[in-house]
Amino acid sequence: MVLLPRLDAPPYLFQGNIAEGFGRKHTKDKLNFYYDARGSLCETKNHLIYGHQVGYFADSEFDENNALIKDIWRELNSLMVTLEASSEPRSESTSKP
């Protein structure tokens, strides 16, 4: 298995999906690209874990990159939750003044 060329691909896919999602007008379109970006981030983490297990990365490199992935994951999920909440239909208040 050739790991290093594949390790470069997911981060670029991630960045491209974020950029394309940002440029979309409709929330549903944005979310689709952000979901794809999250998948690429998972793939990147998987390659990082495997690379660490087979000795491509020192513990410090693994820890630093894993922390970055966790931060990006948290920020991306926060963005997606906010967008999902803003796209939900709002129910009208049933109380009368």
C-alpha atoms as a PDB file:
ATOM      1  CA  MET A   1       0.000   0.000   0.000  1.00  0.00           C
ATOM      2  CA  VAL A   2       1.303   3.417  -0.928  1.00  0.00           C
ATOM      3  CA  LEU A   3       0.259   5.752   1.868  1.00  0.00           C
ATOM      4  CA  LEU A   4       1.995   9.039   1.287  1.00  0.00           C
ATOM      5  CA  PRO A   5       0.346  10.061  -2.013  1.00  0.00           C
ATOM      6  CA  ARG A   6      -3.078   9.224  -0.535  1.00  0.00           C
ATOM      7  CA  LEU A   7      -2.336  11.228   2.602  1.00  0.00           C
ATOM      8  CA  ASP A   8      -2.043  14.351   0.476  1.00  0.00           C
ATOM      9  CA  ALA A   9      -5.396  13.860  -1.271  1.00  0.00           C
ATOM     10  CA  PRO A  10      -7.959  14.054   1.602  1.00  0.00           C
ATOM     11  CA  PRO A  11      -6.760  17.437   2.947  1.00  0.00           C
ATOM     12  CA  TYR A  12      -7.054  18.921  -0.542  1.00  0.00           C
ATOM     13  CA  LEU A  13     -10.486  17.375  -0.962  1.00  0.00           C
ATOM     14  CA  PHE A  14     -11.440  18.760   2.433  1.00  0.00           C
ATOM     15  CA  GLN A  15     -10.302  22.274   1.550  1.00  0.00           C
ATOM     16  CA  GLY A  16     -11.997  22.152  -1.823  1.00  0.00           C
ATOM     17  CA  ASN A  17     -15.304  21.025  -0.339  1.00  0.00           C
ATOM     18  CA  ILE A  18     -15.198  23.764   2.295  1.00  0.00           C
ATOM     19  CA  ALA A  19     -14.477  26.382  -0.364  1.00  0.00           C
ATOM     20  CA  GLU A  20     -17.163  25.122  -2.717  1.00  0.00           C
ATOM     21  CA  GLY A  21     -19.720  24.883   0.097  1.00  0.00           C
ATOM     22  CA  PHE A  22     -18.922  28.418   1.180  1.00  0.00           C
ATOM     23  CA  GLY A  23     -19.620  29.636  -2.339  1.00  0.00           C
ATOM     24  CA  ARG A  24     -23.042  28.027  -2.532  1.00  0.00           C
ATOM     25  CA  LYS A  25     -26.128  30.165  -1.984  1.00  0.00           C
ATOM     26  CA  HIS A  26     -28.568  27.598  -0.640  1.00  0.00           C
ATOM     27  CA  THR A  27     -28.092  26.047   2.777  1.00  0.00           C
ATOM     28  CA  LYS A  28     -28.806  22.519   1.580  1.00  0.00           C
ATOM     29  CA  ASP A  29     -26.069  22.838  -1.048  1.00  0.00           C
ATOM     30  CA  LYS A  30     -23.640  24.207   1.538  1.00  0.00           C
ATOM     31  CA  LEU A  31     -24.387  21.341   3.902  1.00  0.00           C
ATOM     32  CA  ASN A  32     -23.820  18.710   1.214  1.00  0.00           C
ATOM     33  CA  PHE A  33     -20.307  20.008   0.609  1.00  0.00           C
ATOM     34  CA  TYR A  34     -19.625  20.290   4.338  1.00  0.00           C
ATOM     35  CA  TYR A  35     -20.706  16.666   4.808  1.00  0.00           C
ATOM     36  CA  ASP A  36     -18.295  15.665   2.044  1.00  0.00           C
ATOM     37  CA  ALA A  37     -15.566  17.701   3.746  1.00  0.00           C
ATOM     38  CA  ARG A  38     -16.227  15.874   7.002  1.00  0.00           C
ATOM     39  CA  GLY A  39     -15.849  12.556   5.189  1.00  0.00           C
ATOM     40  CA  SER A  40     -12.500  13.669   3.774  1.00  0.00           C
ATOM     41  CA  LEU A  41     -11.437  14.718   7.262  1.00  0.00           C
ATOM     42  CA  CYS A  42     -12.270  11.218   8.530  1.00  0.00           C
ATOM     43  CA  GLU A  43     -10.208   9.738   5.725  1.00  0.00           C
ATOM     44  CA  THR A  44      -7.298  12.013   6.631  1.00  0.00           C
ATOM     45  CA  LYS A  45      -7.496  10.911  10.261  1.00  0.00           C
ATOM     46  CA  ASN A  46      -7.590   7.272   9.201  1.00  0.00           C
ATOM     47  CA  HIS A  47      -4.423   7.736   7.130  1.00  0.00           C
ATOM     48  CA  LEU A  48      -2.778   9.576  10.020  1.00  0.00           C
ATOM     49  CA  ILE A  49      -3.565   6.729  12.433  1.00  0.00           C
ATOM     50  CA  TYR A  50      -2.302   4.100  10.019  1.00  0.00           C
ATOM     51  CA  GLY A  51       0.820   6.130   9.242  1.00  0.00           C
ATOM     52  CA  HIS A  52       1.552   6.426  12.934  1.00  0.00           C
ATOM     53  CA  GLN A  53       1.033   2.699  13.500  1.00  0.00           C
ATOM     54  CA  VAL A  54       3.525   1.764  10.789  1.00  0.00           C
ATOM     55  CA  GLY A  55       6.076   4.361  11.880  1.00  0.00           C
ATOM     56  CA  TYR A  56       5.682   7.108   9.287  1.00  0.00           C
ATOM     57  CA  PHE A  57       4.955   9.673  12.004  1.00  0.00           C
ATOM     58  CA  ALA A  58       6.603  10.294  15.355  1.00  0.00           C
ATOM     59  CA  ASP A  59       4.361  10.516  18.398  1.00  0.00           C
ATOM     60  CA  SER A  60       4.711  14.307  18.480  1.00  0.00           C
ATOM     61  CA  GLU A  61       3.724  14.649  14.808  1.00  0.00           C
ATOM     62  CA  PHE A  62       0.774  12.347  15.314  1.00  0.00           C
ATOM     63  CA  ASP A  63      -0.403  14.214  18.409  1.00  0.00           C
ATOM     64  CA  GLU A  64      -0.091  17.624  16.758  1.00  0.00           C
ATOM     65  CA  ASN A  65      -1.951  16.598  13.613  1.00  0.00           C
ATOM     66  CA  ASN A  66      -4.588  14.631  15.496  1.00  0.00           C
ATOM     67  CA  ALA A  67      -5.281  17.713  17.653  1.00  0.00           C
ATOM     68  CA  LEU A  68      -5.679  19.817  14.490  1.00  0.00           C
ATOM     69  CA  ILE A  69      -8.118  17.306  13.040  1.00  0.00           C
ATOM     70  CA  LYS A  70     -10.146  17.338  16.263  1.00  0.00           C
ATOM     71  CA  ASP A  71     -10.278  21.151  16.224  1.00  0.00           C
ATOM     72  CA  ILE A  72     -11.358  21.235  12.580  1.00  0.00           C
ATOM     73  CA  TRP A  73     -13.968  18.526  13.262  1.00  0.00           C
ATOM     74  CA  ARG A  74     -15.416  20.527  16.151  1.00  0.00           C
ATOM     75  CA  GLU A  75     -15.531  23.779  14.143  1.00  0.00           C
ATOM     76  CA  LEU A  76     -17.040  22.083  11.092  1.00  0.00           C
ATOM     77  CA  ASN A  77     -19.720  20.362  13.174  1.00  0.00           C
ATOM     78  CA  SER A  78     -20.551  23.645  14.873  1.00  0.00           C
ATOM     79  CA  LEU A  79     -20.974  25.306  11.479  1.00  0.00           C
ATOM     80  CA  MET A  80     -23.156  22.466  10.214  1.00  0.00           C
ATOM     81  CA  VAL A  81     -25.387  22.470  13.305  1.00  0.00           C
ATOM     82  CA  THR A  82     -25.874  26.221  12.968  1.00  0.00           C
ATOM     83  CA  LEU A  83     -26.761  25.914   9.284  1.00  0.00           C
ATOM     84  CA  GLU A  84     -29.130  23.015   9.932  1.00  0.00           C
ATOM     85  CA  ALA A  85     -30.897  24.964  12.661  1.00  0.00           C
ATOM     86  CA  SER A  86     -31.245  28.024  10.434  1.00  0.00           C
ATOM     87  CA  SER A  87     -32.746  25.969   7.616  1.00  0.00           C
ATOM     88  CA  GLU A  88     -35.433  24.273   9.720  1.00  0.00           C
ATOM     89  CA  PRO A  89     -38.921  25.635   9.163  1.00  0.00           C
ATOM     90  CA  ARG A  90     -40.008  27.909  11.940  1.00  0.00           C
ATOM     91  CA  SER A  91     -43.308  27.156  13.566  1.00  0.00           C
ATOM     92  CA  GLU A  92     -45.577  30.064  14.257  1.00  0.00           C
ATOM     93  CA  SER A  93     -46.400  30.773  17.839  1.00  0.00           C
ATOM     94  CA  THR A  94     -49.724  29.338  18.883  1.00  0.00           C
ATOM     95  CA  SER A  95     -50.175  31.766  21.740  1.00  0.00           C
ATOM     96  CA  LYS A  96     -52.332  34.815  21.118  1.00  0.00           C
ATOM     97  CA  PRO A  97     -51.480  38.279  22.359  1.00  0.00           C
END
